[in-house]
Amino acid sequence: MKPKDVVPSAAVKFFGAGTAACIADLITFPLDTAKVRLQIQGESQKVEGASTMKYRGVFGTITTMWRTEGPRSLYSGLVAGLQRQMSFASIRIGLYDSMKQFYTRGTESAGIVTRLMAGCTTGAMAVALAQPTDVVKVRFQAQVRLADGGRRYNSTLNAYKTIARDEGVRGLWKGCMPNITRNAIVNCAELVTYDLIKELILNYGLMTDNLPCHFTAAFGAGFCTTVVASPVDVVKTRFMNSADGQYRSAINCALTMVRKEGPTAFYKGFMPSFLRLGSWNIVMFVTYEQIKRGILTSTNQNHGLGV
């Protein structure tokens, strides 16, 4: 059997998804940081002693951060980001096919509803486990250098400890419900769209199951995901980065945004979101497919040699 004809095991998908997501994060992290800075811009509360910075556009934000805070600021929160992807993507992407089989009771045919249910389930499971890493990542990306040169958190470990001490363990799961909502939407839009586009391309014989096919499906999935998930993503970012007591709930955060900044606030940072999600999806899915194929090829060669 050829490697592409062999169905990868759940363990291969789990490991492959986490590794591919980490590689994608390493490449696209500055875009994600720019997105967070643009999303929190306009909040009424200012951090005491922080300089009020006006960001303009994706690359304007990256340039401003590079000039005023140094290039390392673009990768602020990277450690927590990689921790998040290794635990988060492994579950939401790596277990997606297993969850599809669970809902179809092992049959090969999976309809759109089954795929949506599988995407929602793995997305919610991932958030329940990895939420603290997401909170720390967003806090790091949002923090600006204070007038005295200090920062809100000194290290990833310090951030976990400080949040747990000042806000309680619940602080590490802050924004869990909007994040579950966001990731149910993101997972469905991302995985189901990728799944369907790839399936259509292969069924109509437009491309073979190779890199161009994976690239096209990933780009389409990235665009659809950004359009659908942007409003929830902005609310999630604002709520998770907010000071204790600033918003009563995620819904209160959303209503405050509409009242003070208008409905367009929900699409703040849309371009960096699309640039980030589009490029992240392309790198992640292409890498994921190649890792799966590489592991299967290696396994088959070992079996052929009697290893």
Protein backbone atom coordinates (compact mmCIF):
# COMPACT_ATOMS: atom_id res chain seq x y z
CA MET A 1 0.00 0.00 0.00
CA LYS A 2 1.19 3.51 -0.74
CA PRO A 3 1.64 5.82 2.28
CA LYS A 4 -1.28 8.01 1.20
CA ASP A 5 -3.55 4.94 1.02
CA VAL A 6 -2.84 4.01 4.63
CA VAL A 7 -5.05 5.63 7.27
CA PRO A 8 -2.85 7.34 9.92
CA SER A 9 -3.46 6.29 13.52
CA ALA A 10 -4.93 8.68 16.12
CA ALA A 11 -1.47 8.95 17.75
CA VAL A 12 0.13 10.01 14.44
CA LYS A 13 -2.58 12.66 13.91
CA PHE A 14 -2.30 13.86 17.54
CA PHE A 15 1.50 14.28 17.36
CA GLY A 16 1.43 15.62 13.80
CA ALA A 17 -1.21 18.27 14.53
CA GLY A 18 0.64 19.61 17.61
CA THR A 19 3.99 19.76 15.80
CA ALA A 20 2.53 21.36 12.66
CA ALA A 21 0.68 23.97 14.75
CA CYS A 22 3.90 24.90 16.61
CA ILE A 23 5.75 25.37 13.29
CA ALA A 24 2.87 27.52 11.99
CA ASP A 25 2.91 29.60 15.20
CA LEU A 26 6.67 30.21 14.96
CA ILE A 27 6.25 31.62 11.46
CA THR A 28 3.07 33.68 11.95
CA PHE A 29 3.38 34.85 15.60
CA PRO A 30 4.20 38.55 14.81
CA LEU A 31 0.92 38.76 12.83
CA ASP A 32 -0.97 37.32 15.81
CA THR A 33 0.64 39.86 18.17
CA ALA A 34 -0.28 42.71 15.80
CA LYS A 35 -3.86 41.38 15.67
CA VAL A 36 -4.12 41.40 19.49
CA ARG A 37 -2.76 44.97 19.75
CA LEU A 38 -5.25 46.21 17.13
CA GLN A 39 -8.14 44.37 18.79
CA ILE A 40 -7.58 45.92 22.24
CA GLN A 41 -7.00 49.39 20.80
CA GLY A 42 -9.84 51.69 21.80
CA GLU A 43 -10.54 50.18 25.20
CA SER A 44 -11.53 52.88 27.68
CA GLN A 45 -9.22 51.66 30.42
CA LYS A 46 -5.57 52.56 30.03
CA VAL A 47 -2.81 50.83 31.92
CA GLU A 48 -1.41 53.33 34.39
CA GLY A 49 2.02 54.54 33.26
CA ALA A 50 1.74 52.97 29.79
CA SER A 51 2.30 55.07 26.71
CA THR A 52 -0.80 55.55 24.58
CA MET A 53 0.16 54.09 21.23
CA LYS A 54 -1.87 54.45 18.07
CA TYR A 55 -1.49 51.51 15.73
CA ARG A 56 -2.36 51.79 12.04
CA GLY A 57 -2.77 48.61 10.03
CA VAL A 58 -0.96 45.31 10.27
CA PHE A 59 2.47 46.29 9.10
CA GLY A 60 2.19 49.72 10.75
CA THR A 61 1.58 47.94 14.07
CA ILE A 62 4.55 45.61 13.54
CA THR A 63 6.79 48.57 12.55
CA THR A 64 5.68 50.64 15.56
CA MET A 65 6.28 47.76 17.97
CA TRP A 66 9.70 47.03 16.42
CA ARG A 67 10.70 50.71 16.73
CA THR A 68 9.34 51.43 20.24
CA GLU A 69 9.65 48.07 22.01
CA GLY A 70 12.24 46.19 20.00
CA PRO A 71 11.89 43.14 17.71
CA ARG A 72 11.53 40.73 20.65
CA SER A 73 8.14 42.30 21.49
CA LEU A 74 6.69 40.71 18.33
CA TYR A 75 7.33 37.29 19.89
CA SER A 76 6.14 38.22 23.38
CA GLY A 77 4.14 35.26 24.72
CA LEU A 78 5.68 32.78 22.26
CA VAL A 79 6.46 30.20 24.97
CA ALA A 80 2.83 30.19 26.16
CA GLY A 81 1.75 30.18 22.50
CA LEU A 82 3.76 27.02 21.77
CA GLN A 83 2.50 25.40 24.99
CA ARG A 84 -1.01 26.26 23.84
CA GLN A 85 -0.58 24.83 20.36
CA MET A 86 1.05 21.60 21.53
CA SER A 87 -1.88 20.84 23.85
CA PHE A 88 -4.62 22.69 21.96
CA ALA A 89 -4.05 21.77 18.31
CA SER A 90 -3.20 18.16 19.18
CA ILE A 91 -6.73 17.77 20.57
CA ARG A 92 -8.86 19.95 18.28
CA ILE A 93 -7.18 18.91 15.01
CA GLY A 94 -5.54 15.59 15.89
CA LEU A 95 -8.71 14.04 17.33
CA TYR A 96 -11.12 15.50 14.72
CA ASP A 97 -11.18 12.38 12.52
CA SER A 98 -11.54 10.11 15.56
CA MET A 99 -14.51 12.19 16.73
CA LYS A 100 -16.08 11.98 13.25
CA GLN A 101 -15.81 8.18 13.43
CA PHE A 102 -17.30 8.24 16.92
CA TYR A 103 -20.37 10.16 15.71
CA THR A 104 -20.77 8.00 12.59
CA ARG A 105 -20.17 4.82 14.64
CA GLY A 106 -17.17 3.83 12.56
CA THR A 107 -18.72 4.25 9.09
CA GLU A 108 -16.83 6.14 6.37
CA SER A 109 -19.63 8.51 5.32
CA ALA A 110 -19.70 11.73 7.38
CA GLY A 111 -22.27 14.40 6.55
CA ILE A 112 -21.94 18.13 7.22
CA VAL A 113 -23.79 17.89 10.57
CA THR A 114 -21.48 15.10 11.78
CA ARG A 115 -18.41 17.14 10.79
CA LEU A 116 -19.77 20.22 12.57
CA MET A 117 -20.47 18.18 15.71
CA ALA A 118 -16.95 16.70 15.62
CA GLY A 119 -15.42 20.17 15.18
CA CYS A 120 -17.44 21.66 18.06
CA THR A 121 -16.59 18.76 20.37
CA THR A 122 -12.81 18.75 19.84
CA GLY A 123 -12.73 22.57 19.96
CA ALA A 124 -14.50 22.64 23.34
CA MET A 125 -12.31 19.82 24.72
CA ALA A 126 -9.15 21.69 23.70
CA VAL A 127 -10.24 24.95 25.38
CA ALA A 128 -11.15 23.18 28.63
CA LEU A 129 -7.57 21.88 28.85
CA ALA A 130 -5.46 24.66 27.32
CA GLN A 131 -7.26 27.87 28.42
CA PRO A 132 -4.55 28.99 30.91
CA THR A 133 -1.93 28.97 28.15
CA ASP A 134 -4.21 31.13 25.97
CA VAL A 135 -4.82 33.66 28.78
CA VAL A 136 -1.05 34.02 29.40
CA LYS A 137 -0.32 34.30 25.65
CA VAL A 138 -2.88 37.10 25.16
CA ARG A 139 -1.68 38.98 28.29
CA PHE A 140 1.92 38.86 27.03
CA GLN A 141 0.98 40.00 23.54
CA ALA A 142 -1.14 42.85 24.89
CA GLN A 143 1.32 44.23 27.42
CA VAL A 144 3.22 47.38 26.47
CA ARG A 145 6.40 48.65 28.05
CA LEU A 146 5.65 50.96 30.99
CA ALA A 147 7.23 54.40 31.40
CA ASP A 148 9.80 53.01 33.87
CA GLY A 149 10.77 50.27 31.41
CA GLY A 150 8.99 47.55 33.38
CA ARG A 151 6.39 45.08 32.19
CA ARG A 152 3.21 43.53 33.58
CA TYR A 153 4.80 40.05 33.60
CA ASN A 154 8.50 39.13 33.58
CA SER A 155 8.26 35.55 32.33
CA THR A 156 5.74 32.89 31.33
CA LEU A 157 6.00 31.16 34.71
CA ASN A 158 5.70 34.52 36.49
CA ALA A 159 2.52 35.24 34.50
CA TYR A 160 0.90 31.94 35.54
CA LYS A 161 1.83 32.59 39.21
CA THR A 162 0.78 36.27 39.19
CA ILE A 163 -2.61 35.60 37.59
CA ALA A 164 -3.32 32.70 39.98
CA ARG A 165 -2.27 34.83 43.00
CA ASP A 166 -4.07 38.07 42.05
CA GLU A 167 -7.18 36.67 40.36
CA GLY A 168 -7.37 33.15 41.75
CA VAL A 169 -7.20 29.91 39.76
CA ARG A 170 -10.39 31.05 37.98
CA GLY A 171 -8.32 33.89 36.49
CA LEU A 172 -6.38 31.33 34.45
CA TRP A 173 -9.68 30.16 32.94
CA LYS A 174 -10.89 33.74 32.33
CA GLY A 175 -12.90 34.01 29.14
CA CYS A 176 -13.32 30.24 28.96
CA MET A 177 -16.94 30.43 27.71
CA PRO A 178 -16.31 32.99 24.91
CA ASN A 179 -13.21 30.98 24.01
CA ILE A 180 -15.24 27.76 23.81
CA THR A 181 -17.73 29.61 21.58
CA ARG A 182 -14.93 31.04 19.45
CA ASN A 183 -13.14 27.74 19.08
CA ALA A 184 -16.30 25.81 18.31
CA ILE A 185 -16.84 28.33 15.47
CA VAL A 186 -13.17 28.37 14.43
CA ASN A 187 -12.86 24.59 14.53
CA CYS A 188 -16.02 24.10 12.48
CA ALA A 189 -15.10 26.78 9.94
CA GLU A 190 -11.45 25.72 9.74
CA LEU A 191 -11.57 21.92 9.78
CA VAL A 192 -14.95 21.39 8.10
CA THR A 193 -14.17 23.93 5.33
CA TYR A 194 -10.72 22.38 4.75
CA ASP A 195 -12.29 18.92 4.77
CA LEU A 196 -15.02 19.87 2.26
CA ILE A 197 -12.80 21.90 -0.11
CA LYS A 198 -10.17 19.14 -0.18
CA GLU A 199 -12.88 16.52 -0.77
CA LEU A 200 -14.45 18.52 -3.64
CA ILE A 201 -11.04 19.08 -5.30
CA LEU A 202 -10.26 15.36 -5.15
CA ASN A 203 -13.77 14.18 -6.17
CA TYR A 204 -13.83 16.42 -9.25
CA GLY A 205 -10.25 15.49 -10.13
CA LEU A 206 -9.07 19.14 -10.13
CA MET A 207 -5.85 18.21 -8.30
CA THR A 208 -4.21 15.17 -6.77
CA ASP A 209 -3.89 14.71 -2.99
CA ASN A 210 -0.69 16.72 -2.80
CA LEU A 211 0.77 20.11 -1.84
CA PRO A 212 -1.21 22.36 -4.27
CA CYS A 213 -4.47 20.74 -3.13
CA HIS A 214 -3.58 21.18 0.56
CA PHE A 215 -2.51 24.80 -0.08
CA THR A 216 -5.78 25.71 -1.85
CA ALA A 217 -8.00 24.04 0.76
CA ALA A 218 -6.05 25.68 3.62
CA PHE A 219 -6.30 29.17 2.07
CA GLY A 220 -10.07 28.81 1.63
CA ALA A 221 -10.43 27.54 5.20
CA GLY A 222 -8.42 30.51 6.54
CA PHE A 223 -10.62 33.10 4.80
CA CYS A 224 -13.92 31.49 5.86
CA THR A 225 -12.71 31.13 9.44
CA THR A 226 -11.66 34.80 9.70
CA VAL A 227 -15.02 36.10 8.44
CA VAL A 228 -17.03 33.89 10.80
CA ALA A 229 -14.83 34.06 13.90
CA SER A 230 -13.60 37.69 14.00
CA PRO A 231 -16.40 39.14 16.22
CA VAL A 232 -16.05 36.39 18.84
CA ASP A 233 -12.25 36.62 18.64
CA VAL A 234 -12.23 40.36 19.40
CA VAL A 235 -14.55 39.89 22.42
CA LYS A 236 -12.45 36.95 23.65
CA THR A 237 -9.21 38.98 23.40
CA ARG A 238 -10.65 42.03 25.15
CA PHE A 239 -12.26 40.00 27.94
CA MET A 240 -9.19 37.84 28.61
CA ASN A 241 -6.90 40.89 28.69
CA SER A 242 -9.23 43.00 30.89
CA ALA A 243 -8.45 43.97 34.47
CA ASP A 244 -10.40 42.20 37.20
CA GLY A 245 -13.93 43.68 37.34
CA GLN A 246 -13.64 45.73 34.12
CA TYR A 247 -16.36 43.65 32.44
CA ARG A 248 -19.04 41.62 34.23
CA SER A 249 -19.11 38.98 31.50
CA ALA A 250 -18.20 38.35 27.88
CA ILE A 251 -21.69 39.56 26.84
CA ASN A 252 -21.18 42.76 28.87
CA CYS A 253 -17.84 43.21 27.09
CA ALA A 254 -19.53 42.86 23.68
CA LEU A 255 -22.32 45.32 24.61
CA THR A 256 -19.77 47.84 25.93
CA MET A 257 -17.87 47.62 22.64
CA VAL A 258 -21.03 48.26 20.58
CA ARG A 259 -22.07 51.20 22.78
CA LYS A 260 -18.67 52.93 22.86
CA GLU A 261 -17.08 51.99 19.53
CA GLY A 262 -19.91 50.83 17.27
CA PRO A 263 -20.42 47.47 15.51
CA THR A 264 -17.26 47.87 13.40
CA ALA A 265 -15.26 47.23 16.60
CA PHE A 266 -16.06 43.52 16.15
CA TYR A 267 -13.91 43.50 13.02
CA LYS A 268 -10.95 45.38 14.47
CA GLY A 269 -7.76 43.70 13.39
CA PHE A 270 -9.54 41.88 10.51
CA MET A 271 -6.59 42.15 8.09
CA PRO A 272 -4.00 40.79 10.56
CA SER A 273 -6.54 38.14 11.55
CA PHE A 274 -6.88 37.07 7.92
CA LEU A 275 -3.16 37.33 7.19
CA ARG A 276 -2.44 35.36 10.33
CA LEU A 277 -5.21 32.73 9.98
CA GLY A 278 -4.68 32.37 6.23
CA SER A 279 -0.92 31.92 6.51
CA TRP A 280 -1.27 29.84 9.71
CA ASN A 281 -3.76 27.50 8.03
CA ILE A 282 -1.54 27.09 4.97
CA VAL A 283 1.61 26.35 6.99
CA MET A 284 -0.22 24.15 9.51
CA PHE A 285 -2.27 22.00 7.09
CA VAL A 286 0.55 21.58 4.55
CA THR A 287 3.00 20.65 7.36
CA TYR A 288 0.42 18.38 9.02
CA GLU A 289 -0.22 16.47 5.79
CA GLN A 290 3.54 16.10 5.15
CA ILE A 291 4.25 14.96 8.74
CA LYS A 292 1.49 12.32 8.51
CA ARG A 293 2.82 11.13 5.16
CA GLY A 294 6.43 11.16 6.41
CA ILE A 295 5.63 9.11 9.52
CA LEU A 296 3.61 6.58 7.50
CA THR A 297 6.38 6.27 4.88
CA SER A 298 8.97 5.70 7.63
CA THR A 299 6.71 3.14 9.36
CA ASN A 300 6.07 1.25 6.13
CA GLN A 301 9.80 1.17 5.32
CA ASN A 302 10.58 -0.21 8.76
CA HIS A 303 7.88 -2.87 8.35
CA GLY A 304 9.24 -3.71 4.90
CA LEU A 305 12.70 -4.20 6.39
CA GLY A 306 11.23 -6.30 9.18
CA VAL A 307 12.14 -3.77 11.89
